[in-house]
N, C-alpha and C. Protein backbone atom coordinates (compact mmCIF):
# COMPACT_ATOMS: atom_id res chain seq x y z
N UNK A 1 1.07 -1.27 -0.15
CA UNK A 1 -0.18 -0.01 -0.10
C UNK A 1 0.93 1.32 0.13
N UNK A 2 1.53 1.23 0.29
CA UNK A 2 2.80 2.40 0.76
C UNK A 2 3.38 2.71 -0.52
N UNK A 3 4.21 1.44 -1.33
CA UNK A 3 4.43 1.85 -2.48
C UNK A 3 3.63 2.27 -3.58
N UNK A 4 1.93 1.74 -3.21
CA UNK A 4 1.61 2.36 -4.23
C UNK A 4 1.62 4.40 -4.53
N UNK A 5 1.19 3.97 -3.48
CA UNK A 5 0.94 5.45 -2.79
C UNK A 5 2.00 6.35 -3.49
N UNK A 6 3.52 5.65 -3.04
CA UNK A 6 4.70 6.84 -3.47
C UNK A 6 4.43 6.91 -4.60
N UNK A 7 4.39 5.34 -5.62
CA UNK A 7 4.09 5.47 -6.95
C UNK A 7 2.95 6.89 -7.33
N UNK A 8 1.60 7.00 -6.98
CA UNK A 8 0.85 8.05 -7.47
C UNK A 8 1.33 8.93 -6.59
N UNK A 9 1.80 9.70 -5.97
CA UNK A 9 2.65 11.16 -6.19
C UNK A 9 3.41 11.22 -6.39
N UNK A 10 4.03 10.42 -7.09
CA UNK A 10 5.25 10.53 -8.23
C UNK A 10 4.90 10.69 -9.43
N UNK A 11 3.82 10.18 -9.63
CA UNK A 11 3.16 10.34 -10.93
C UNK A 11 2.54 11.29 -10.91
N UNK A 12 1.91 12.28 -10.03
CA UNK A 12 1.26 13.44 -10.55
C UNK A 12 2.43 14.80 -10.00
N UNK A 13 3.51 14.12 -9.25
CA UNK A 13 4.21 15.26 -9.86
C UNK A 13 4.93 15.49 -10.89
N UNK A 14 5.40 14.70 -11.72
CA UNK A 14 6.18 14.50 -12.52
C UNK A 14 4.61 15.16 -13.24
N UNK A 15 3.93 14.33 -13.39
CA UNK A 15 3.03 15.04 -14.86
C UNK A 15 2.88 17.07 -14.49
N UNK A 16 2.92 17.58 -13.17
CA UNK A 16 2.69 18.59 -13.13
C UNK A 16 4.02 19.53 -13.14
N UNK A 17 5.04 18.53 -13.05
CA UNK A 17 6.49 19.69 -13.78
C UNK A 17 6.38 19.25 -15.18
N UNK A 18 5.75 18.15 -15.93
CA UNK A 18 5.71 17.73 -17.19
C UNK A 18 4.61 18.74 -18.12
N UNK A 19 3.81 19.36 -17.11
CA UNK A 19 2.86 19.99 -18.01
C UNK A 19 3.36 21.90 -17.58
N UNK A 20 4.22 22.12 -17.06
CA UNK A 20 4.93 23.37 -16.83
C UNK A 20 5.66 23.64 -17.81
N UNK A 21 6.40 22.57 -18.13
CA UNK A 21 7.07 22.62 -19.06
C UNK A 21 7.07 22.39 -20.60
N UNK A 22 5.68 22.11 -20.91
CA UNK A 22 5.06 21.88 -21.55
C UNK A 22 4.61 23.32 -22.10
N UNK A 23 3.89 23.73 -21.15
CA UNK A 23 3.51 25.17 -21.52
C UNK A 23 4.67 26.22 -21.96
N UNK A 24 5.64 26.00 -21.40
CA UNK A 24 7.02 26.54 -21.64
C UNK A 24 7.27 26.62 -22.90
N UNK A 25 7.31 25.48 -23.29
CA UNK A 25 8.20 25.06 -24.86
C UNK A 25 6.91 25.33 -26.04
N UNK A 26 5.48 25.23 -25.86
CA UNK A 26 4.04 26.09 -26.45
C UNK A 26 4.93 27.33 -26.90
N UNK A 27 5.37 28.23 -25.44
CA UNK A 27 5.01 29.74 -25.67
C UNK A 27 6.37 30.06 -26.34
N UNK A 28 7.42 28.94 -26.74
CA UNK A 28 8.85 29.51 -26.83
C UNK A 28 9.57 30.02 -25.90
N UNK A 29 9.49 29.62 -24.92
CA UNK A 29 10.21 30.59 -23.63
C UNK A 29 11.15 29.51 -22.85
N UNK A 30 12.06 29.99 -22.26
CA UNK A 30 12.91 28.75 -21.69
C UNK A 30 12.24 28.54 -20.27
N UNK A 31 12.67 26.91 -20.54
CA UNK A 31 12.02 26.01 -20.43
C UNK A 31 11.82 26.06 -18.16
N UNK A 32 12.83 26.90 -17.71
CA UNK A 32 12.47 26.77 -16.56
C UNK A 32 11.92 28.09 -15.84
N UNK A 33 11.47 29.14 -17.08
CA UNK A 33 10.76 30.16 -16.58
C UNK A 33 9.42 29.99 -15.80
N UNK A 34 8.50 30.81 -15.42
CA UNK A 34 7.63 30.79 -15.04
C UNK A 34 6.15 30.64 -15.42
N UNK A 35 5.23 29.58 -16.03
CA UNK A 35 4.63 29.38 -16.94
C UNK A 35 2.98 30.17 -16.64
N UNK A 36 3.31 30.78 -16.03
CA UNK A 36 1.97 31.83 -15.47
C UNK A 36 2.00 33.15 -15.54
N UNK A 37 3.04 33.19 -15.66
CA UNK A 37 4.10 35.00 -15.89
C UNK A 37 2.98 35.23 -16.99
N UNK A 38 2.29 35.94 -17.48
CA UNK A 38 1.90 37.08 -18.45
C UNK A 38 2.49 37.59 -18.93
N UNK A 39 2.56 37.76 -20.37
CA UNK A 39 3.82 38.55 -21.41
C UNK A 39 2.33 39.63 -21.48
N UNK A 40 2.84 40.83 -21.74
CA UNK A 40 1.74 41.69 -22.02
C UNK A 40 1.88 41.94 -23.60
N UNK A 41 0.53 42.22 -23.86
CA UNK A 41 0.45 42.74 -25.56
C UNK A 41 1.37 43.59 -25.89
N UNK A 42 1.82 44.79 -25.22
CA UNK A 42 3.25 45.23 -25.86
C UNK A 42 4.08 44.19 -26.68
N UNK A 43 4.71 43.33 -25.39
CA UNK A 43 5.99 42.69 -25.43
C UNK A 43 5.49 41.70 -26.97
N UNK A 44 4.49 41.22 -26.95
CA UNK A 44 4.06 40.19 -27.82
C UNK A 44 3.91 40.70 -29.46
N UNK A 45 3.60 41.97 -29.68
CA UNK A 45 3.35 43.05 -30.47
C UNK A 45 5.10 43.19 -30.92
N UNK A 46 5.90 43.44 -29.96
CA UNK A 46 7.31 43.67 -30.60
C UNK A 46 7.93 42.71 -30.80
N UNK A 47 8.16 41.26 -30.45
CA UNK A 47 8.17 40.45 -31.03
C UNK A 47 8.10 39.88 -32.39
N UNK A 48 6.46 40.32 -32.30
CA UNK A 48 5.72 39.88 -33.56
C UNK A 48 6.77 41.10 -34.56
N UNK A 49 6.37 42.05 -34.15
CA UNK A 49 7.28 43.07 -35.37
C UNK A 49 8.76 42.36 -35.52
N UNK A 50 9.44 41.70 -34.76
CA UNK A 50 10.98 41.87 -34.71
C UNK A 50 10.95 40.24 -35.73
N UNK A 51 10.01 39.45 -35.54
CA UNK A 51 9.87 38.58 -36.30
C UNK A 51 9.79 38.65 -37.74
N UNK A 52 8.71 39.51 -37.91
CA UNK A 52 8.24 39.81 -39.50
C UNK A 52 8.71 40.59 -39.75
N UNK A 53 9.97 41.39 -39.30
CA UNK A 53 10.97 42.33 -39.93
C UNK A 53 12.19 41.39 -40.33
N UNK A 54 12.26 40.52 -39.47
CA UNK A 54 13.42 39.41 -39.59
C UNK A 54 13.16 38.63 -41.54
N UNK A 55 11.57 38.15 -41.11
CA UNK A 55 11.31 37.69 -42.27
C UNK A 55 11.43 38.46 -43.76
N UNK A 56 10.83 39.70 -43.71
CA UNK A 56 10.90 40.26 -44.97
C UNK A 56 12.34 40.64 -45.35
N UNK A 57 13.56 40.66 -44.70
CA UNK A 57 14.83 41.24 -44.47
C UNK A 57 15.12 40.35 -45.35
N UNK A 58 15.12 38.58 -45.12
CA UNK A 58 15.29 37.83 -45.60
C UNK A 58 14.75 37.47 -46.66
N UNK A 59 13.82 37.21 -47.22
CA UNK A 59 12.86 37.35 -48.50
C UNK A 59 13.60 38.85 -49.50
N UNK A 60 13.99 39.93 -48.65
CA UNK A 60 14.21 41.15 -49.97
C UNK A 60 15.50 40.57 -49.99
N UNK A 61 16.38 40.02 -49.24
CA UNK A 61 17.89 39.58 -49.59
C UNK A 61 17.99 38.43 -50.88
N UNK A 62 17.30 37.21 -50.72
CA UNK A 62 16.77 36.40 -51.58
C UNK A 62 16.22 36.86 -52.81
N UNK A 63 15.52 38.14 -53.12
CA UNK A 63 14.84 38.48 -54.22
C UNK A 63 16.23 39.44 -54.47
N UNK A 64 16.98 39.92 -54.27
CA UNK A 64 17.83 40.57 -54.49
C UNK A 64 18.91 39.67 -54.75
N UNK A 65 19.15 38.75 -54.73
CA UNK A 65 20.26 37.82 -55.16
C UNK A 65 19.71 37.42 -56.55
N UNK A 66 18.79 36.89 -56.34
CA UNK A 66 17.83 36.49 -57.70
C UNK A 66 17.87 37.76 -58.81
N UNK A 67 17.58 38.63 -58.46
CA UNK A 67 17.78 39.80 -59.63
C UNK A 67 19.27 39.94 -59.87
N UNK A 68 20.29 39.67 -59.40
CA UNK A 68 21.91 39.98 -59.65
C UNK A 68 21.84 38.67 -59.98
N UNK A 69 21.61 37.46 -59.86
CA UNK A 69 21.67 36.26 -60.26
C UNK A 69 20.82 36.31 -62.44
N UNK A 70 20.09 36.94 -62.12
CA UNK A 70 19.41 36.96 -63.50
C UNK A 70 20.13 37.73 -64.49
N UNK A 71 20.57 39.40 -63.53
CA UNK A 71 21.08 40.17 -64.40
C UNK A 71 22.85 39.62 -64.91
N UNK A 72 23.25 38.73 -64.62
CA UNK A 72 24.47 38.09 -64.37
C UNK A 72 24.57 37.49 -65.78
N UNK A 73 23.56 36.80 -66.15
CA UNK A 73 23.11 35.98 -67.14
C UNK A 73 23.15 35.84 -68.68
């Protein structure tokens, strides 16, 4: 009976830790950060803007490279 109790408590603790880590993974946060911390709308908008700017810069570089390759032919 005591072993069953230890196993169940261990499973519950493991489940809670796994859920906290899973939330952090889903939010692209460091694993050991607080999963309950709220990210402000301003911070999310800045992150999205930076990501969009980075992707558009890469697309612009690819387009420029393609134009240079076409002009050299």
